[in-house]
Protein backbone atom coordinates (compact mmCIF):
# COMPACT_ATOMS: atom_id res chain seq x y z
CA MET A 1 -15.84 -119.24 -4.36
CA THR A 2 -16.75 -116.25 -1.43
CA ILE A 3 -17.66 -116.13 1.89
CA SER A 4 -18.54 -113.33 3.80
CA ARG A 5 -19.88 -112.50 6.92
CA ILE A 6 -20.86 -115.77 7.65
CA PRO A 7 -23.69 -116.99 10.96
CA PHE A 8 -22.42 -119.90 12.85
CA ALA A 9 -24.99 -122.61 12.97
CA ILE A 10 -24.20 -126.33 14.08
CA ALA A 11 -25.20 -129.26 16.22
CA ILE A 12 -23.11 -131.95 16.27
CA ALA A 13 -22.73 -135.36 18.45
CA ILE A 14 -19.53 -137.08 19.46
CA SER A 15 -18.59 -140.23 20.89
CA LEU A 16 -15.16 -140.79 22.59
CA ALA A 17 -12.79 -143.51 23.17
CA ALA A 18 -9.62 -142.89 25.58
CA CYS A 19 -6.74 -144.59 25.75
CA ALA A 20 -6.27 -146.48 29.16
CA ALA A 21 -3.84 -145.27 31.84
CA ALA A 22 -3.15 -148.54 32.99
CA GLY A 23 0.07 -150.69 32.92
CA PRO A 24 1.99 -151.29 29.42
CA THR A 25 0.35 -153.39 26.71
CA PRO A 26 2.19 -156.62 25.89
CA THR A 27 1.69 -156.29 22.15
CA PRO A 28 2.33 -153.55 19.98
CA THR A 29 -1.37 -153.22 19.52
CA PRO A 30 -2.70 -149.96 21.11
CA ALA A 31 -4.36 -149.68 24.61
CA ALA A 32 -7.47 -150.41 25.50
CA SER A 33 -9.59 -147.84 25.20
CA ALA A 34 -12.23 -146.74 28.51
CA SER A 35 -15.24 -144.76 28.05
CA PRO A 36 -14.53 -140.87 28.95
CA THR A 37 -16.96 -138.95 30.95
CA PRO A 38 -20.35 -138.99 29.48
CA ALA A 39 -20.49 -135.18 27.34
CA PRO A 40 -23.29 -132.57 27.46
CA SER A 41 -25.10 -132.00 24.93
CA PRO A 42 -24.37 -128.82 22.84
CA SER A 43 -26.47 -125.72 23.01
CA SER A 44 -29.69 -125.82 20.87
CA SER A 45 -29.13 -122.61 19.67
CA GLY A 46 -26.07 -123.46 18.44
CA ALA A 47 -24.27 -120.06 18.31
CA PRO A 48 -21.30 -119.58 20.36
CA SER A 49 -21.61 -117.41 23.63
CA GLY A 50 -18.17 -116.14 22.67
CA VAL A 51 -14.90 -117.15 20.89
CA ALA A 52 -12.43 -117.99 24.01
CA SER A 53 -9.71 -118.97 21.63
CA ALA A 54 -7.27 -118.69 18.73
CA ALA A 55 -8.36 -122.85 18.56
CA GLN A 56 -11.91 -122.31 18.62
CA ALA A 57 -11.87 -119.72 15.72
CA ALA A 58 -9.78 -121.83 13.93
CA ALA A 59 -12.42 -125.02 14.38
CA LEU A 60 -15.40 -122.08 13.32
CA VAL A 61 -13.63 -121.99 9.98
CA LEU A 62 -13.29 -125.41 9.12
CA ALA A 63 -16.89 -125.94 10.36
CA SER A 64 -17.80 -122.73 7.49
CA ASP A 65 -16.07 -124.60 4.27
CA PRO A 66 -16.47 -128.38 2.72
CA HIS A 67 -12.76 -127.59 1.83
CA PHE A 68 -11.76 -127.42 4.89
CA GLY A 69 -12.83 -131.31 5.91
CA ALA A 70 -9.55 -132.03 6.23
CA ILE A 71 -6.97 -129.67 8.13
CA ARG A 72 -4.65 -130.38 10.61
CA PRO A 73 -2.40 -127.77 12.90
CA ALA A 74 0.81 -126.53 10.77
CA SER A 75 3.54 -128.09 11.95
CA PRO A 76 7.06 -126.18 12.06
CA ASP A 77 9.11 -128.96 10.52
CA GLY A 78 5.97 -130.28 8.43
CA VAL A 79 7.36 -132.04 5.08
CA GLY A 80 4.87 -132.16 2.66
CA GLU A 81 1.49 -131.23 4.50
CA CYS A 82 -1.02 -130.57 1.92
CA CYS A 83 -3.91 -129.08 4.25
CA THR A 84 -3.04 -126.87 7.50
CA TYR A 85 -3.94 -124.18 9.40
CA GLN A 86 -2.73 -121.21 11.35
CA ALA A 87 -4.68 -119.13 14.01
CA VAL A 88 -3.65 -116.53 15.97
CA ASP A 89 -4.84 -113.85 18.51
CA ALA A 90 -5.97 -110.63 16.39
CA ALA A 91 -7.19 -108.11 18.72
CA PRO A 92 -10.44 -107.68 18.64
CA GLY A 93 -10.44 -111.45 17.54
CA PHE A 94 -8.52 -113.41 15.67
CA GLY A 95 -7.45 -114.03 12.45
CA VAL A 96 -6.84 -117.54 10.72
CA THR A 97 -5.56 -118.92 7.52
CA VAL A 98 -5.88 -122.15 5.93
CA ASP A 99 -4.01 -123.24 3.61
CA VAL A 100 -4.67 -126.52 1.02
CA GLY A 101 -2.27 -128.51 -1.21
CA TRP A 102 -3.10 -130.98 -3.88
CA GLY A 103 -0.88 -132.83 -6.57
CA ASP A 104 1.91 -134.96 -5.35
CA CYS A 105 2.14 -133.68 -1.97
CA PRO A 106 4.61 -135.69 -0.44
CA ALA A 107 6.62 -134.15 -2.39
CA GLY A 108 5.31 -130.43 -1.85
CA CYS A 109 2.46 -130.34 -3.49
CA ILE A 110 2.17 -129.17 -7.02
CA ASN A 111 -0.69 -126.77 -6.19
CA HIS A 112 -2.00 -124.51 -3.73
CA HIS A 113 -4.88 -122.19 -2.40
CA GLN A 114 -4.88 -119.83 0.44
CA TRP A 115 -7.47 -118.50 2.09
CA VAL A 116 -7.29 -115.75 4.78
CA PHE A 117 -10.19 -114.96 7.62
CA THR A 118 -11.25 -112.95 10.73
CA VAL A 119 -13.26 -114.10 13.59
CA ASP A 120 -15.08 -112.01 15.49
CA ARG A 121 -15.57 -112.76 19.15
CA ASP A 122 -18.88 -113.46 18.77
CA GLY A 123 -18.16 -115.60 15.90
CA THR A 124 -18.63 -114.09 12.98
CA ILE A 125 -16.37 -115.30 10.30
CA THR A 126 -15.13 -112.84 7.32
CA LEU A 127 -12.89 -114.07 4.64
CA VAL A 128 -10.43 -110.92 4.06
CA GLY A 129 -8.69 -112.29 1.22
CA GLN A 130 -7.66 -115.53 -0.93
CA SER A 131 -4.79 -116.59 -3.28
CA GLY A 132 -3.40 -119.63 -5.16
CA ASP A 133 -4.59 -122.36 -7.87
CA ALA A 134 -8.62 -122.55 -8.87
CA ASP A 135 -10.13 -125.24 -7.91
CA PRO A 136 -9.35 -126.94 -4.83
CA PRO A 137 -10.28 -130.08 -3.98
CA VAL A 138 -13.49 -130.77 -1.51
CA PRO A 139 -11.96 -133.70 0.53
CA ALA A 140 -14.48 -137.13 0.79
CA GLY A 141 -14.67 -139.80 2.69
CA GLU A 142 -17.00 -142.65 3.68
CA GLY A 143 -18.38 -143.88 6.97
CA VAL A 144 -20.14 -141.98 9.54
CA SER A 145 -16.77 -141.65 12.01
CA ALA A 146 -13.42 -140.83 11.79
CA SER A 147 -10.89 -141.83 14.16
CA ILE A 148 -7.74 -139.35 15.84
CA LYS A 149 -4.65 -140.69 18.13
CA LEU A 150 -3.07 -137.94 19.71
CA HIS A 151 0.55 -138.54 21.08
CA LEU A 152 1.27 -136.77 23.89
CA LEU A 153 5.70 -136.07 24.30
CA ALA A 154 7.59 -134.43 26.63
CA GLY A 155 10.60 -132.46 25.66
CA PRO A 156 13.34 -131.81 25.64
CA THR A 157 14.68 -134.79 27.82
CA CYS A 158 18.73 -133.87 27.68
CA PRO A 159 20.02 -130.26 27.95
CA VAL A 160 22.01 -130.55 24.31
CA VAL A 161 20.48 -130.99 20.94
CA HIS A 162 22.87 -133.19 18.99
CA ASN A 163 22.75 -133.60 15.21
CA PRO A 164 22.11 -135.98 14.38
CA PRO A 165 19.56 -136.31 16.94
CA ASP A 166 21.12 -138.72 20.09
CA PRO A 167 18.07 -141.42 20.34
CA ALA A 168 18.51 -141.76 24.16
CA CYS A 169 17.56 -137.58 23.45
CA ALA A 170 14.01 -138.28 22.14
CA PRO A 171 10.74 -136.87 23.31
CA ARG A 172 8.99 -139.12 26.16
CA PRO A 173 5.38 -140.26 26.37
CA VAL A 174 3.24 -138.36 28.98
CA ALA A 175 1.27 -141.02 30.53
CA GLY A 176 -1.85 -139.92 32.68
CA ALA A 177 -2.71 -136.28 31.13
CA GLU A 178 -6.12 -135.19 30.16
CA VAL A 179 -7.62 -133.53 27.26
CA VAL A 180 -10.62 -132.18 26.57
CA VAL A 181 -12.48 -131.55 23.16
CA ARG A 182 -14.93 -129.23 22.24
CA GLY A 183 -17.09 -128.44 19.37
CA PRO A 184 -16.54 -125.40 17.43
CA ASP A 185 -19.51 -123.59 19.56
CA GLY A 186 -17.48 -124.15 22.74
CA ALA A 187 -19.48 -127.46 24.01
CA GLU A 188 -17.61 -129.60 25.66
CA LEU A 189 -17.72 -133.15 24.11
CA GLY A 190 -15.74 -135.42 25.94
CA ARG A 191 -12.48 -135.72 28.51
CA ALA A 192 -10.44 -138.42 27.61
CA THR A 193 -6.61 -139.35 29.52
CA SER A 194 -3.74 -140.77 28.05
CA SER A 195 -1.81 -144.32 28.50
CA ASP A 196 1.44 -144.92 29.43
CA GLN A 197 2.32 -144.86 26.01
CA GLY A 198 1.14 -141.04 25.91
CA GLU A 199 -1.59 -142.03 23.39
CA VAL A 200 -5.31 -140.79 23.33
CA GLY A 201 -7.80 -142.34 21.22
CA LEU A 202 -11.04 -140.95 19.72
CA ARG A 203 -13.12 -141.59 17.44
CA PHE A 204 -16.02 -139.02 16.53
CA PRO A 205 -18.39 -138.11 13.51
CA PRO A 206 -16.91 -136.09 10.26
CA GLY A 207 -16.45 -132.40 11.12
CA ALA A 208 -14.22 -129.81 12.98
CA TYR A 209 -13.65 -129.94 16.60
CA TYR A 210 -10.46 -128.30 19.21
CA VAL A 211 -8.83 -129.92 21.98
CA GLU A 212 -7.91 -128.32 25.46
CA PRO A 213 -4.86 -130.00 26.77
CA GLN A 214 -4.47 -129.85 30.35
CA PRO A 215 -1.49 -128.97 32.85
CA VAL A 216 0.65 -131.94 33.91
CA GLN A 217 2.17 -131.44 36.93
CA GLY A 218 6.02 -131.64 36.83
CA LEU A 219 6.18 -129.97 33.35
CA LEU A 220 6.97 -126.19 32.51
CA GLY A 221 4.40 -125.96 29.44
CA THR A 222 1.24 -126.61 28.17
CA PRO A 223 0.39 -127.23 24.57
CA ALA A 224 -1.84 -124.85 23.43
CA PRO A 225 -5.21 -125.75 22.16
CA PHE A 226 -5.74 -126.59 18.54
CA ALA A 227 -8.23 -127.59 16.20
CA PHE A 228 -8.56 -129.89 13.27
CA SER A 229 -11.05 -131.33 11.31
CA ALA A 230 -11.60 -135.05 9.23
CA VAL A 231 -13.87 -136.45 6.82
CA GLY A 232 -15.30 -140.05 7.69
CA SER A 233 -12.98 -143.11 7.79
CA GLU A 234 -10.20 -140.92 7.95
CA ALA A 235 -7.37 -142.22 10.47
CA VAL A 236 -5.61 -138.92 12.01
CA ASP A 237 -2.21 -138.66 13.84
CA ILE A 238 -1.27 -135.44 15.60
CA ASN A 239 1.78 -134.70 17.88
CA VAL A 240 0.98 -132.96 21.17
CA ASN A 241 3.65 -131.27 22.71
CA TYR A 242 4.72 -130.74 26.33
CA ASP A 243 7.45 -128.80 27.58
CA THR A 244 10.18 -130.41 30.23
CA GLY A 245 12.04 -127.23 30.95
CA ILE A 246 14.96 -128.80 30.31
CA ARG A 247 17.76 -126.64 28.56
């Protein structure tokens, strides 16, 4: 597979359901959902007016190839992750690396393939290298929608980190935090607010998106925007980590 100088064109619709920020639920089931603010329609041209962040650059890449249909942000402590990306500012544009693994991935994946891209600020994607095993799988899913649950957490909650970890020092849920969801072209598709359990639940058509967490009063750090992609009927869980400033 070769991708070079890919023009971006995408038009997409999304439906969101945000976990309500009302009182705690009496049962373990997810909090009730509330309708988000109606989302504006993506631009008719489908062309990005300019790539504003590494997360948007990653979403453009994930939307460009069916091999990237089920990709998550790389986790520093992830074990057995099969399909992740990393995106960085690389002036004058951005650099995006996508890793796909397959074959016994809970044990670390037997096979791997990696793609390295640059993304210009006008949205042009260029494949600059790839390596690894041949014939990476194309993820498939049934259904016209996928679901994602964001877990908004704040930590550290104790000034000293213990080994083994002290359960009393576990990250705490962040209630009432707003997140903005955008398509790869940068169009805002909706907003949602976390529940008392720090959760945001979304439903959307299969595809690539990026999320912009918003600042929360009293917390020092706001998480960086991040991208993800999903196929139909897939359930996605992603932790979104805020910084309490406790050291």
